[in-house]
Each structure stands twice: as C-alpha cells, then as structure tokens.
Amino acid sequence: MTARKYRLLTLWTCIGMFLVLVVGVVVTNTGSGRGCGTDWPLCNGKFVPAYTLESMVEYSHRAVSGLEGLLVAATFVATWMMKPRSREATFYAGSALLFTIAQAALGAMAVVWPTSDAVLAIHFGISLIAFSSTWLLDAWAKRWVRESQAPAAAAAGKRGGADKLVPPGVFGWIVALLVYCYGVVYLGAYVRHTDSAGGCIGWPLCNGQFVPELSGATGIVFAHRLGAIVLLIAIVAIVTFIAKRTHGHRELTGIGITSIVLVVSQVFSGWLLTATIGNEDAYVFTSLLHTIIISALFSSLCLLAVRAWQLSRR
C-alpha cells in the first residue's frame, strides 16, 4: 500500500471514530440509551428496530460503531503488513483497535446490565482515547506522505532542527497536563450522565455566587468549571514554557497555540451550554460542540506529547 492510500485509510478511520463520539453524545443527550431495551446486539429482539426516535438513535450508534470497528481492524491489518513495519504506527493502530473493542464491550454491558453513572462516564473516556489514537495515526501517516514525496528535504529538515533539541523535562510536563485534562474530561462526562448540568445556573458565576454551596449537582458542575479554568491556565503556562525552553520550536509552538485556541473555545462552549440548558433542541447542538472541541483538544495535547518525546531523543 502506498503512503497516500494508507493516509486516506487512516483519515477515514479518524473521521469514523469522530462520528462514533458524536452519535454517542446524541444518545446520551436524547436519553436514547435504553432505546433498544436490554438487548444487544439486536434491538428489542429485532435486527431492524421499531421506528421510534430512541430506538433509531441507539441503533444508529451501534451501526456506526460496528462499521468503525471494521475500519479500525482493517487499518490495523494494513499497518501490521507494512514493509518495513513502523513500531510507532503499529502502536497507534493497536491502541485504536484495543480501545475500540473495550468501548464496544463496555457499551454492551451498559445495555444488558444496570450500570452506574461513574462507569458510564468512563465509556466516553475510552472512546476519546480510541479517537486520539486514530488522530495520532493519521498525523503519522501525513508525515509519512510528506517524507515519501520529498525524502531529501525531510532529511535536511531533521538535520536543520538538530540545534533545537527539546529538553526531556518538557515531555514530562506535557504528560502531566494530559493526565489532568483526561480527569477534567471524565468529570464533564460524569456531569452529563448524572444530569447535573442544571446544578449551576449562570456563567461565570454559579447560581449568582463566586463559590456556591458545594453539594449535589451544584458541587459536581462547579468542580468541572473550576477544573476547566485551571486547565486553561495550565495549557497557556506550559505552551509558554515550551516556547522558551525550545527557543520557539516551530512545530511544538504551533501545536501549543492550537491547543490554547481550543481550550479557550472549550471554555466559551461551556458558557453556551449554560445559556441553552433550558432549550432542549439547542442544548443537543451546544453539547455536541462541547464534545467536538474537547476531543480535538485532548488529541492535540497527545500529539504535542508525542512530538516532544520524539524531538527530545534526536
């Protein structure tokens, strides 16, 4: 398989995983998780479900996830059969396959057996890792295409960047940030699955207070808001740190600036969620926007960590 064809495969795999995330959010926000009863993989005992909104939304999620699973498996096989085989690409493809299987298994268990909100929130976290794995694989494939088209220029670029080695400590800070970001994402998913979004009315204040009474849904939402603000400050701080320690390394600084734009957008999309919480139709779309941005942000930080590690080893 040529580099261009492989990159096209990874791109479609990444898009497919993104659709799985989007449809999963629609399932949660429309309360369609029980649209197929407790049957899996059938829907209410049928291969073709009844034409109700809940059953069609839930069944669409299963169909998209199933097709994406086949696409992820095909991508893994194509990656494994590469000559010469890339360990980096194999790791990303294997991670995508592993977490896609885990996602499907957890989704099936959530349908068949009663599952706590805390466990349901993990489902989104697993989906996010699967998506980020396909994102990283596509980024690798894009670099492969670029290097295959101009190998001499790529080699010259590597030699030219030798005087801008990334200090190993930068990678550790990015990983710490990535772990923290995952915690904020999990807390946001927990807010959604516990229907706690109404715990804080108004923005940026919560129920008209700077620090509200931290109990029930209010405490959960306030903790998520506080975590998001700290994440914003941390990303700005670490991108500034990277720019200084690497003397403005173009690639890392570019990914860092993208991360800042995304985290700022995420904070404002949180405001949109609060503003539309009383409008169910609008809330579905603002929640989707919130999910899209955080998925891109987490994947961007993953790419930042990977490139920082690779550049620190040159």
C-alpha atoms as a PDB file:
ATOM      1  CA  MET A   1       0.000   0.000   0.000  1.00  0.00           C
ATOM      2  CA  THR A   2       1.382   3.408  -0.972  1.00  0.00           C
ATOM      3  CA  ALA A   3       1.789   6.197   1.571  1.00  0.00           C
ATOM      4  CA  ARG A   4      -1.044   8.221   0.014  1.00  0.00           C
ATOM      5  CA  LYS A   5      -3.501   5.303   0.060  1.00  0.00           C
ATOM      6  CA  TYR A   6      -2.560   4.456   3.635  1.00  0.00           C
ATOM      7  CA  ARG A   7      -3.046   8.077   4.691  1.00  0.00           C
ATOM      8  CA  LEU A   8      -6.523   8.044   3.078  1.00  0.00           C
ATOM      9  CA  LEU A   9      -7.371   4.924   5.098  1.00  0.00           C
ATOM     10  CA  THR A  10      -6.206   6.487   8.369  1.00  0.00           C
ATOM     11  CA  LEU A  11      -8.117   9.689   7.595  1.00  0.00           C
ATOM     12  CA  TRP A  12     -11.400   7.829   7.086  1.00  0.00           C
ATOM     13  CA  THR A  13     -10.744   5.798  10.230  1.00  0.00           C
ATOM     14  CA  CYS A  14     -10.263   9.008  12.213  1.00  0.00           C
ATOM     15  CA  ILE A  15     -13.431  10.543  10.739  1.00  0.00           C
ATOM     16  CA  GLY A  16     -15.353   7.368  11.552  1.00  0.00           C
ATOM     17  CA  MET A  17     -14.202   7.425  15.176  1.00  0.00           C
ATOM     18  CA  PHE A  18     -15.228  11.071  15.385  1.00  0.00           C
ATOM     19  CA  LEU A  19     -18.735  10.097  14.199  1.00  0.00           C
ATOM     20  CA  VAL A  20     -18.871   7.418  16.909  1.00  0.00           C
ATOM     21  CA  LEU A  21     -18.173  10.116  19.507  1.00  0.00           C
ATOM     22  CA  VAL A  22     -20.805  12.452  18.064  1.00  0.00           C
ATOM     23  CA  VAL A  23     -23.559   9.827  17.854  1.00  0.00           C
ATOM     24  CA  GLY A  24     -22.697   8.658  21.376  1.00  0.00           C
ATOM     25  CA  VAL A  25     -23.284  12.176  22.704  1.00  0.00           C
ATOM     26  CA  VAL A  26     -26.612  12.334  20.854  1.00  0.00           C
ATOM     27  CA  VAL A  27     -27.627   9.049  22.513  1.00  0.00           C
ATOM     28  CA  THR A  28     -26.839  10.442  25.968  1.00  0.00           C
ATOM     29  CA  ASN A  29     -28.440  13.864  25.447  1.00  0.00           C
ATOM     30  CA  THR A  30     -31.653  12.476  23.967  1.00  0.00           C
ATOM     31  CA  GLY A  31     -31.974   9.790  26.641  1.00  0.00           C
ATOM     32  CA  SER A  32     -31.911   7.070  23.977  1.00  0.00           C
ATOM     33  CA  GLY A  33     -29.597   4.688  25.825  1.00  0.00           C
ATOM     34  CA  ARG A  34     -32.495   2.338  26.523  1.00  0.00           C
ATOM     35  CA  GLY A  35     -33.998   2.706  23.059  1.00  0.00           C
ATOM     36  CA  CYS A  36     -33.217  -0.942  22.331  1.00  0.00           C
ATOM     37  CA  GLY A  37     -34.194  -2.222  25.759  1.00  0.00           C
ATOM     38  CA  THR A  38     -31.698  -4.633  27.285  1.00  0.00           C
ATOM     39  CA  ASP A  39     -30.972  -6.462  24.015  1.00  0.00           C
ATOM     40  CA  TRP A  40     -27.548  -6.472  22.350  1.00  0.00           C
ATOM     41  CA  PRO A  41     -26.605  -6.685  19.508  1.00  0.00           C
ATOM     42  CA  LEU A  42     -30.295  -6.918  18.499  1.00  0.00           C
ATOM     43  CA  CYS A  43     -32.629  -4.038  19.231  1.00  0.00           C
ATOM     44  CA  ASN A  44     -35.709  -5.069  21.232  1.00  0.00           C
ATOM     45  CA  GLY A  45     -35.237  -8.580  19.859  1.00  0.00           C
ATOM     46  CA  LYS A  46     -35.156  -7.454  16.220  1.00  0.00           C
ATOM     47  CA  PHE A  47     -32.435  -6.930  13.669  1.00  0.00           C
ATOM     48  CA  VAL A  48     -34.315  -3.899  12.317  1.00  0.00           C
ATOM     49  CA  PRO A  49     -35.714  -1.901  15.254  1.00  0.00           C
ATOM     50  CA  ALA A  50     -39.099  -0.251  15.604  1.00  0.00           C
ATOM     51  CA  TYR A  51     -39.246   3.245  14.175  1.00  0.00           C
ATOM     52  CA  THR A  52     -39.154   5.221  17.401  1.00  0.00           C
ATOM     53  CA  LEU A  53     -36.758   8.096  17.943  1.00  0.00           C
ATOM     54  CA  GLU A  54     -34.990   6.401  20.856  1.00  0.00           C
ATOM     55  CA  SER A  55     -34.521   3.070  19.107  1.00  0.00           C
ATOM     56  CA  MET A  56     -33.303   4.650  15.861  1.00  0.00           C
ATOM     57  CA  VAL A  57     -30.787   6.883  17.665  1.00  0.00           C
ATOM     58  CA  GLU A  58     -29.426   3.995  19.735  1.00  0.00           C
ATOM     59  CA  TYR A  59     -29.358   1.625  16.762  1.00  0.00           C
ATOM     60  CA  SER A  60     -27.597   4.255  14.626  1.00  0.00           C
ATOM     61  CA  HIS A  61     -24.932   4.476  17.312  1.00  0.00           C
ATOM     62  CA  ARG A  62     -24.468   0.706  17.237  1.00  0.00           C
ATOM     63  CA  ALA A  63     -24.344   0.645  13.422  1.00  0.00           C
ATOM     64  CA  VAL A  64     -21.766   3.441  13.190  1.00  0.00           C
ATOM     65  CA  SER A  65     -19.675   1.821  15.944  1.00  0.00           C
ATOM     66  CA  GLY A  66     -19.815  -1.553  14.185  1.00  0.00           C
ATOM     67  CA  LEU A  67     -18.715  -0.145  10.838  1.00  0.00           C
ATOM     68  CA  GLU A  68     -15.959   1.841  12.521  1.00  0.00           C
ATOM     69  CA  GLY A  69     -14.793  -1.317  14.278  1.00  0.00           C
ATOM     70  CA  LEU A  70     -14.328  -2.994  10.900  1.00  0.00           C
ATOM     71  CA  LEU A  71     -12.476   0.049   9.601  1.00  0.00           C
ATOM     72  CA  VAL A  72     -10.171   0.135  12.639  1.00  0.00           C
ATOM     73  CA  ALA A  73      -9.454  -3.587  12.218  1.00  0.00           C
ATOM     74  CA  ALA A  74      -8.647  -3.081   8.526  1.00  0.00           C
ATOM     75  CA  THR A  75      -6.312  -0.214   9.406  1.00  0.00           C
ATOM     76  CA  PHE A  76      -4.527  -2.354  11.982  1.00  0.00           C
ATOM     77  CA  VAL A  77      -4.020  -5.171   9.454  1.00  0.00           C
ATOM     78  CA  ALA A  78      -2.705  -2.712   6.852  1.00  0.00           C
ATOM     79  CA  THR A  79      -0.332  -1.211   9.429  1.00  0.00           C
ATOM     80  CA  TRP A  80       0.898  -4.637  10.545  1.00  0.00           C
ATOM     81  CA  MET A  81       1.599  -5.681   6.946  1.00  0.00           C
ATOM     82  CA  MET A  82       3.763  -2.640   6.182  1.00  0.00           C
ATOM     83  CA  LYS A  83       7.223  -3.325   4.784  1.00  0.00           C
ATOM     84  CA  PRO A  84       9.168  -2.126   6.686  1.00  0.00           C
ATOM     85  CA  ARG A  85       6.795  -2.104   9.666  1.00  0.00           C
ATOM     86  CA  SER A  86       6.683   1.060  11.749  1.00  0.00           C
ATOM     87  CA  ARG A  87       6.581   0.491  15.517  1.00  0.00           C
ATOM     88  CA  GLU A  88       5.051   3.921  16.062  1.00  0.00           C
ATOM     89  CA  ALA A  89       2.227   3.372  13.556  1.00  0.00           C
ATOM     90  CA  THR A  90       1.619  -0.148  14.884  1.00  0.00           C
ATOM     91  CA  PHE A  91       1.319   1.215  18.414  1.00  0.00           C
ATOM     92  CA  TYR A  92      -1.296   3.788  17.365  1.00  0.00           C
ATOM     93  CA  ALA A  93      -3.253   1.276  15.270  1.00  0.00           C
ATOM     94  CA  GLY A  94      -3.111  -1.325  18.042  1.00  0.00           C
ATOM     95  CA  SER A  95      -4.238   1.219  20.633  1.00  0.00           C
ATOM     96  CA  ALA A  96      -7.167   2.254  18.418  1.00  0.00           C
ATOM     97  CA  LEU A  97      -8.199  -1.398  17.992  1.00  0.00           C
ATOM     98  CA  LEU A  98      -7.842  -2.214  21.698  1.00  0.00           C
ATOM     99  CA  PHE A  99      -9.879   0.751  22.906  1.00  0.00           C
ATOM    100  CA  THR A 100     -12.493   0.295  20.180  1.00  0.00           C
ATOM    101  CA  ILE A 101     -13.058  -3.259  21.443  1.00  0.00           C
ATOM    102  CA  ALA A 102     -13.138  -2.009  25.049  1.00  0.00           C
ATOM    103  CA  GLN A 103     -15.616   0.686  24.067  1.00  0.00           C
ATOM    104  CA  ALA A 104     -17.920  -1.833  22.392  1.00  0.00           C
ATOM    105  CA  ALA A 105     -17.700  -4.235  25.331  1.00  0.00           C
ATOM    106  CA  LEU A 106     -18.489  -1.541  27.895  1.00  0.00           C
ATOM    107  CA  GLY A 107     -21.367  -0.277  25.739  1.00  0.00           C
ATOM    108  CA  ALA A 108     -22.813  -3.788  25.513  1.00  0.00           C
ATOM    109  CA  MET A 109     -22.519  -4.297  29.285  1.00  0.00           C
ATOM    110  CA  ALA A 110     -24.219  -0.952  29.912  1.00  0.00           C
ATOM    111  CA  VAL A 111     -27.176  -2.120  27.822  1.00  0.00           C
ATOM    112  CA  VAL A 112     -27.515  -5.630  29.233  1.00  0.00           C
ATOM    113  CA  TRP A 113     -26.812  -4.896  32.915  1.00  0.00           C
ATOM    114  CA  PRO A 114     -27.579  -1.904  35.159  1.00  0.00           C
ATOM    115  CA  THR A 115     -24.509   0.330  35.202  1.00  0.00           C
ATOM    116  CA  SER A 116     -23.585   3.240  37.466  1.00  0.00           C
ATOM    117  CA  ASP A 117     -23.133   6.771  36.151  1.00  0.00           C
ATOM    118  CA  ALA A 118     -19.464   6.661  37.133  1.00  0.00           C
ATOM    119  CA  VAL A 119     -18.893   3.644  34.855  1.00  0.00           C
ATOM    120  CA  LEU A 120     -20.928   5.177  32.017  1.00  0.00           C
ATOM    121  CA  ALA A 121     -18.695   8.259  32.165  1.00  0.00           C
ATOM    122  CA  ILE A 122     -15.673   6.006  31.594  1.00  0.00           C
ATOM    123  CA  HIS A 123     -17.267   4.915  28.305  1.00  0.00           C
ATOM    124  CA  PHE A 124     -16.699   8.383  26.858  1.00  0.00           C
ATOM    125  CA  GLY A 125     -13.135   8.411  28.182  1.00  0.00           C
ATOM    126  CA  ILE A 126     -12.391   5.139  26.385  1.00  0.00           C
ATOM    127  CA  SER A 127     -13.948   6.486  23.189  1.00  0.00           C
ATOM    128  CA  LEU A 128     -11.785   9.586  23.497  1.00  0.00           C
ATOM    129  CA  ILE A 129      -8.584   7.530  23.736  1.00  0.00           C
ATOM    130  CA  ALA A 130      -9.656   5.477  20.701  1.00  0.00           C
ATOM    131  CA  PHE A 131     -10.289   8.686  18.755  1.00  0.00           C
ATOM    132  CA  SER A 132      -6.969  10.202  19.804  1.00  0.00           C
ATOM    133  CA  SER A 133      -5.190   7.022  18.686  1.00  0.00           C
ATOM    134  CA  THR A 134      -6.687   7.343  15.197  1.00  0.00           C
ATOM    135  CA  TRP A 135      -5.788  11.058  15.222  1.00  0.00           C
ATOM    136  CA  LEU A 136      -2.151  10.272  16.046  1.00  0.00           C
ATOM    137  CA  LEU A 137      -2.055   7.531  13.411  1.00  0.00           C
ATOM    138  CA  ASP A 138      -3.356   9.920  10.783  1.00  0.00           C
ATOM    139  CA  ALA A 139      -0.778  12.533  11.847  1.00  0.00           C
ATOM    140  CA  TRP A 140       1.936   9.873  11.444  1.00  0.00           C
ATOM    141  CA  ALA A 141       0.597   8.907   8.008  1.00  0.00           C
ATOM    142  CA  LYS A 142       0.598  12.566   6.978  1.00  0.00           C
ATOM    143  CA  ARG A 143       4.279  12.842   7.938  1.00  0.00           C
ATOM    144  CA  TRP A 144       4.992   9.618   6.004  1.00  0.00           C
ATOM    145  CA  VAL A 145       3.368  11.035   2.870  1.00  0.00           C
ATOM    146  CA  ARG A 146       5.363  14.231   3.203  1.00  0.00           C
ATOM    147  CA  GLU A 147       8.644  12.353   3.677  1.00  0.00           C
ATOM    148  CA  SER A 148       7.924   9.953   0.802  1.00  0.00           C
ATOM    149  CA  GLN A 149       7.273  12.864  -1.546  1.00  0.00           C
ATOM    150  CA  ALA A 150      10.405  14.794  -0.574  1.00  0.00           C
ATOM    151  CA  PRO A 151      12.761  12.482   1.370  1.00  0.00           C
ATOM    152  CA  ALA A 152      15.812  14.691   0.806  1.00  0.00           C
ATOM    153  CA  ALA A 153      14.029  17.777   2.082  1.00  0.00           C
ATOM    154  CA  ALA A 154      12.693  15.864   5.110  1.00  0.00           C
ATOM    155  CA  ALA A 155      16.190  14.645   5.979  1.00  0.00           C
ATOM    156  CA  ALA A 156      17.542  18.155   5.619  1.00  0.00           C
ATOM    157  CA  GLY A 157      14.774  19.434   7.881  1.00  0.00           C
ATOM    158  CA  LYS A 158      15.743  16.919  10.565  1.00  0.00           C
ATOM    159  CA  ARG A 159      19.404  17.917  10.340  1.00  0.00           C
ATOM    160  CA  GLY A 160      18.479  21.583  10.410  1.00  0.00           C
ATOM    161  CA  GLY A 161      16.455  21.098  13.595  1.00  0.00           C
ATOM    162  CA  ALA A 162      19.299  19.396  15.438  1.00  0.00           C
ATOM    163  CA  ASP A 163      20.270  22.631  17.139  1.00  0.00           C
ATOM    164  CA  LYS A 164      16.786  22.896  18.638  1.00  0.00           C
ATOM    165  CA  LEU A 165      16.644  19.735  20.675  1.00  0.00           C
ATOM    166  CA  VAL A 166      13.724  19.611  23.102  1.00  0.00           C
ATOM    167  CA  PRO A 167      14.757  19.174  26.760  1.00  0.00           C
ATOM    168  CA  PRO A 168      13.450  15.841  28.167  1.00  0.00           C
ATOM    169  CA  GLY A 169      11.659  17.651  31.006  1.00  0.00           C
ATOM    170  CA  VAL A 170       9.213  19.214  28.553  1.00  0.00           C
ATOM    171  CA  PHE A 171       7.696  15.796  27.782  1.00  0.00           C
ATOM    172  CA  GLY A 172       7.047  15.082  31.464  1.00  0.00           C
ATOM    173  CA  TRP A 173       5.163  18.340  31.959  1.00  0.00           C
ATOM    174  CA  ILE A 174       3.005  17.693  28.894  1.00  0.00           C
ATOM    175  CA  VAL A 175       2.150  14.178  30.100  1.00  0.00           C
ATOM    176  CA  ALA A 176       1.123  15.581  33.500  1.00  0.00           C
ATOM    177  CA  LEU A 177      -1.078  18.114  31.696  1.00  0.00           C
ATOM    178  CA  LEU A 178      -2.559  15.351  29.554  1.00  0.00           C
ATOM    179  CA  VAL A 179      -3.482  13.258  32.605  1.00  0.00           C
ATOM    180  CA  TYR A 180      -5.099  16.279  34.235  1.00  0.00           C
ATOM    181  CA  CYS A 181      -7.033  17.055  31.038  1.00  0.00           C
ATOM    182  CA  TYR A 182      -8.369  13.491  30.999  1.00  0.00           C
ATOM    183  CA  GLY A 183      -9.607  13.989  34.563  1.00  0.00           C
ATOM    184  CA  VAL A 184     -11.463  17.169  33.546  1.00  0.00           C
ATOM    185  CA  VAL A 185     -12.974  15.322  30.582  1.00  0.00           C
ATOM    186  CA  TYR A 186     -14.133  12.475  32.825  1.00  0.00           C
ATOM    187  CA  LEU A 187     -15.728  14.952  35.225  1.00  0.00           C
ATOM    188  CA  GLY A 188     -17.558  16.575  32.303  1.00  0.00           C
ATOM    189  CA  ALA A 189     -18.840  13.175  31.162  1.00  0.00           C
ATOM    190  CA  TYR A 190     -19.970  12.493  34.735  1.00  0.00           C
ATOM    191  CA  VAL A 191     -21.906  15.784  34.724  1.00  0.00           C
ATOM    192  CA  ARG A 192     -23.678  14.678  31.549  1.00  0.00           C
ATOM    193  CA  HIS A 193     -24.512  11.165  32.720  1.00  0.00           C
ATOM    194  CA  THR A 194     -25.827  12.326  36.100  1.00  0.00           C
ATOM    195  CA  ASP A 195     -27.918  15.106  34.503  1.00  0.00           C
ATOM    196  CA  SER A 196     -26.167  17.580  36.779  1.00  0.00           C
ATOM    197  CA  ALA A 197     -25.771  20.390  34.239  1.00  0.00           C
ATOM    198  CA  GLY A 198     -28.546  22.391  35.891  1.00  0.00           C
ATOM    199  CA  GLY A 199     -26.624  22.488  39.153  1.00  0.00           C
ATOM    200  CA  CYS A 200     -25.047  25.815  38.162  1.00  0.00           C
ATOM    201  CA  ILE A 201     -27.299  28.458  36.624  1.00  0.00           C
ATOM    202  CA  GLY A 202     -25.457  31.409  35.117  1.00  0.00           C
ATOM    203  CA  TRP A 203     -21.905  31.914  33.903  1.00  0.00           C
ATOM    204  CA  PRO A 204     -19.189  32.589  35.040  1.00  0.00           C
ATOM    205  CA  LEU A 205     -20.862  32.773  38.467  1.00  0.00           C
ATOM    206  CA  CYS A 206     -22.665  29.671  39.706  1.00  0.00           C
ATOM    207  CA  ASN A 207     -26.187  30.419  40.939  1.00  0.00           C
ATOM    208  CA  GLY A 208     -25.124  34.037  41.378  1.00  0.00           C
ATOM    209  CA  GLN A 209     -22.230  33.128  43.672  1.00  0.00           C
ATOM    210  CA  PHE A 210     -18.484  33.031  43.191  1.00  0.00           C
ATOM    211  CA  VAL A 211     -18.314  29.909  45.371  1.00  0.00           C
ATOM    212  CA  PRO A 212     -21.731  28.234  45.734  1.00  0.00           C
ATOM    213  CA  GLU A 213     -22.817  25.631  48.247  1.00  0.00           C
ATOM    214  CA  LEU A 214     -20.834  22.573  47.182  1.00  0.00           C
ATOM    215  CA  SER A 215     -23.436  19.844  47.414  1.00  0.00           C
ATOM    216  CA  GLY A 216     -25.225  17.583  44.956  1.00  0.00           C
ATOM    217  CA  ALA A 217     -25.319  18.607  41.306  1.00  0.00           C
ATOM    218  CA  THR A 218     -24.007  22.088  42.116  1.00  0.00           C
ATOM    219  CA  GLY A 219     -20.794  20.692  43.582  1.00  0.00           C
ATOM    220  CA  ILE A 220     -20.233  18.417  40.564  1.00  0.00           C
ATOM    221  CA  VAL A 221     -20.722  21.192  37.991  1.00  0.00           C
ATOM    222  CA  PHE A 222     -18.680  23.717  39.978  1.00  0.00           C
ATOM    223  CA  ALA A 223     -15.794  21.235  40.263  1.00  0.00           C
ATOM    224  CA  HIS A 224     -15.895  20.759  36.477  1.00  0.00           C
ATOM    225  CA  ARG A 225     -15.905  24.512  35.862  1.00  0.00           C
ATOM    226  CA  LEU A 226     -13.013  25.047  38.242  1.00  0.00           C
ATOM    227  CA  GLY A 227     -11.105  22.197  36.596  1.00  0.00           C
ATOM    228  CA  ALA A 228     -11.658  23.765  33.156  1.00  0.00           C
ATOM    229  CA  ILE A 229     -10.308  27.145  34.278  1.00  0.00           C
ATOM    230  CA  VAL A 230      -7.220  25.511  35.805  1.00  0.00           C
ATOM    231  CA  LEU A 231      -6.750  23.561  32.546  1.00  0.00           C
ATOM    232  CA  LEU A 232      -6.839  26.823  30.572  1.00  0.00           C
ATOM    233  CA  ILE A 233      -4.204  28.406  32.810  1.00  0.00           C
ATOM    234  CA  ALA A 234      -2.050  25.251  32.735  1.00  0.00           C
ATOM    235  CA  ILE A 235      -2.083  24.999  28.927  1.00  0.00           C
ATOM    236  CA  VAL A 236      -1.138  28.659  28.482  1.00  0.00           C
ATOM    237  CA  ALA A 237       1.653  28.230  31.049  1.00  0.00           C
ATOM    238  CA  ILE A 238       3.097  25.063  29.501  1.00  0.00           C
ATOM    239  CA  VAL A 239       2.968  26.411  25.930  1.00  0.00           C
ATOM    240  CA  THR A 240       4.863  29.492  27.127  1.00  0.00           C
ATOM    241  CA  PHE A 241       7.312  27.170  28.895  1.00  0.00           C
ATOM    242  CA  ILE A 242       7.801  25.132  25.713  1.00  0.00           C
ATOM    243  CA  ALA A 243       8.379  28.239  23.595  1.00  0.00           C
ATOM    244  CA  LYS A 244      11.090  29.424  25.993  1.00  0.00           C
ATOM    245  CA  ARG A 245      12.812  26.077  26.555  1.00  0.00           C
ATOM    246  CA  THR A 246      12.858  25.168  22.847  1.00  0.00           C
ATOM    247  CA  HIS A 247      13.655  28.683  21.590  1.00  0.00           C
ATOM    248  CA  GLY A 248      10.334  28.844  19.772  1.00  0.00           C
ATOM    249  CA  HIS A 249      10.463  25.431  18.074  1.00  0.00           C
ATOM    250  CA  ARG A 250       8.061  25.937  15.179  1.00  0.00           C
ATOM    251  CA  GLU A 251       6.214  22.613  15.248  1.00  0.00           C
ATOM    252  CA  LEU A 252       5.744  22.379  19.012  1.00  0.00           C
ATOM    253  CA  THR A 253       4.794  26.034  19.350  1.00  0.00           C
ATOM    254  CA  GLY A 254       2.275  25.632  16.527  1.00  0.00           C
ATOM    255  CA  ILE A 255       0.610  22.644  18.223  1.00  0.00           C
ATOM    256  CA  GLY A 256       0.688  24.551  21.522  1.00  0.00           C
ATOM    257  CA  ILE A 257      -1.046  27.600  20.052  1.00  0.00           C
ATOM    258  CA  THR A 258      -3.688  25.338  18.530  1.00  0.00           C
ATOM    259  CA  SER A 259      -4.231  23.842  21.998  1.00  0.00           C
ATOM    260  CA  ILE A 260      -4.674  27.320  23.505  1.00  0.00           C
ATOM    261  CA  VAL A 261      -7.260  28.252  20.870  1.00  0.00           C
ATOM    262  CA  LEU A 262      -9.118  25.003  21.520  1.00  0.00           C
ATOM    263  CA  VAL A 263      -9.149  25.337  25.321  1.00  0.00           C
ATOM    264  CA  VAL A 264     -10.408  28.936  25.095  1.00  0.00           C
ATOM    265  CA  SER A 265     -13.107  27.754  22.678  1.00  0.00           C
ATOM    266  CA  GLN A 266     -13.970  24.958  25.103  1.00  0.00           C
ATOM    267  CA  VAL A 267     -14.485  27.406  27.963  1.00  0.00           C
ATOM    268  CA  PHE A 268     -16.820  29.534  25.842  1.00  0.00           C
ATOM    269  CA  SER A 269     -18.687  26.467  24.608  1.00  0.00           C
ATOM    270  CA  GLY A 270     -19.293  25.737  28.289  1.00  0.00           C
ATOM    271  CA  TRP A 271     -20.936  29.138  28.525  1.00  0.00           C
ATOM    272  CA  LEU A 272     -23.127  28.212  25.533  1.00  0.00           C
ATOM    273  CA  LEU A 273     -24.153  25.008  27.323  1.00  0.00           C
ATOM    274  CA  THR A 274     -25.272  27.033  30.339  1.00  0.00           C
ATOM    275  CA  ALA A 275     -27.091  29.565  28.154  1.00  0.00           C
ATOM    276  CA  THR A 276     -29.057  26.872  26.274  1.00  0.00           C
ATOM    277  CA  ILE A 277     -29.774  24.491  29.126  1.00  0.00           C
ATOM    278  CA  GLY A 278     -33.455  25.451  29.083  1.00  0.00           C
ATOM    279  CA  ASN A 279     -33.805  24.766  25.352  1.00  0.00           C
ATOM    280  CA  GLU A 280     -33.591  21.026  24.673  1.00  0.00           C
ATOM    281  CA  ASP A 281     -33.190  21.365  20.899  1.00  0.00           C
ATOM    282  CA  ALA A 282     -30.368  23.897  21.138  1.00  0.00           C
ATOM    283  CA  TYR A 283     -28.757  22.062  24.050  1.00  0.00           C
ATOM    284  CA  VAL A 284     -28.183  18.957  21.917  1.00  0.00           C
ATOM    285  CA  PHE A 285     -26.126  21.006  19.456  1.00  0.00           C
ATOM    286  CA  THR A 286     -24.180  23.011  22.051  1.00  0.00           C
ATOM    287  CA  SER A 287     -23.357  19.763  23.832  1.00  0.00           C
ATOM    288  CA  LEU A 288     -22.108  18.318  20.545  1.00  0.00           C
ATOM    289  CA  LEU A 289     -19.936  21.400  20.039  1.00  0.00           C
ATOM    290  CA  HIS A 290     -18.532  20.970  23.558  1.00  0.00           C
ATOM    291  CA  THR A 291     -17.666  17.343  22.795  1.00  0.00           C
ATOM    292  CA  ILE A 292     -16.088  18.129  19.418  1.00  0.00           C
ATOM    293  CA  ILE A 293     -13.797  20.782  20.893  1.00  0.00           C
ATOM    294  CA  ILE A 294     -12.647  18.720  23.879  1.00  0.00           C
ATOM    295  CA  SER A 295     -11.950  15.748  21.591  1.00  0.00           C
ATOM    296  CA  ALA A 296      -9.769  17.923  19.362  1.00  0.00           C
ATOM    297  CA  LEU A 297      -8.068  19.480  22.402  1.00  0.00           C
ATOM    298  CA  PHE A 298      -7.195  16.147  24.021  1.00  0.00           C
ATOM    299  CA  SER A 299      -5.885  14.794  20.718  1.00  0.00           C
ATOM    300  CA  SER A 300      -3.842  17.950  20.167  1.00  0.00           C
ATOM    301  CA  LEU A 301      -2.213  17.531  23.589  1.00  0.00           C
ATOM    302  CA  CYS A 302      -1.493  13.862  22.770  1.00  0.00           C
ATOM    303  CA  LEU A 303       0.251  14.940  19.574  1.00  0.00           C
ATOM    304  CA  LEU A 304       2.182  17.604  21.500  1.00  0.00           C
ATOM    305  CA  ALA A 305       3.391  14.968  23.980  1.00  0.00           C
ATOM    306  CA  VAL A 306       4.417  12.522  21.234  1.00  0.00           C
ATOM    307  CA  ARG A 307       6.343  15.101  19.219  1.00  0.00           C
ATOM    308  CA  ALA A 308       8.039  16.500  22.336  1.00  0.00           C
ATOM    309  CA  TRP A 309       9.223  12.979  23.257  1.00  0.00           C
ATOM    310  CA  GLN A 310      10.442  12.256  19.729  1.00  0.00           C
ATOM    311  CA  LEU A 311      12.255  15.568  19.350  1.00  0.00           C
ATOM    312  CA  SER A 312      13.874  15.202  22.778  1.00  0.00           C
ATOM    313  CA  ARG A 313      15.521  11.954  21.598  1.00  0.00           C
ATOM    314  CA  ARG A 314      17.189  13.377  18.494  1.00  0.00           C
END
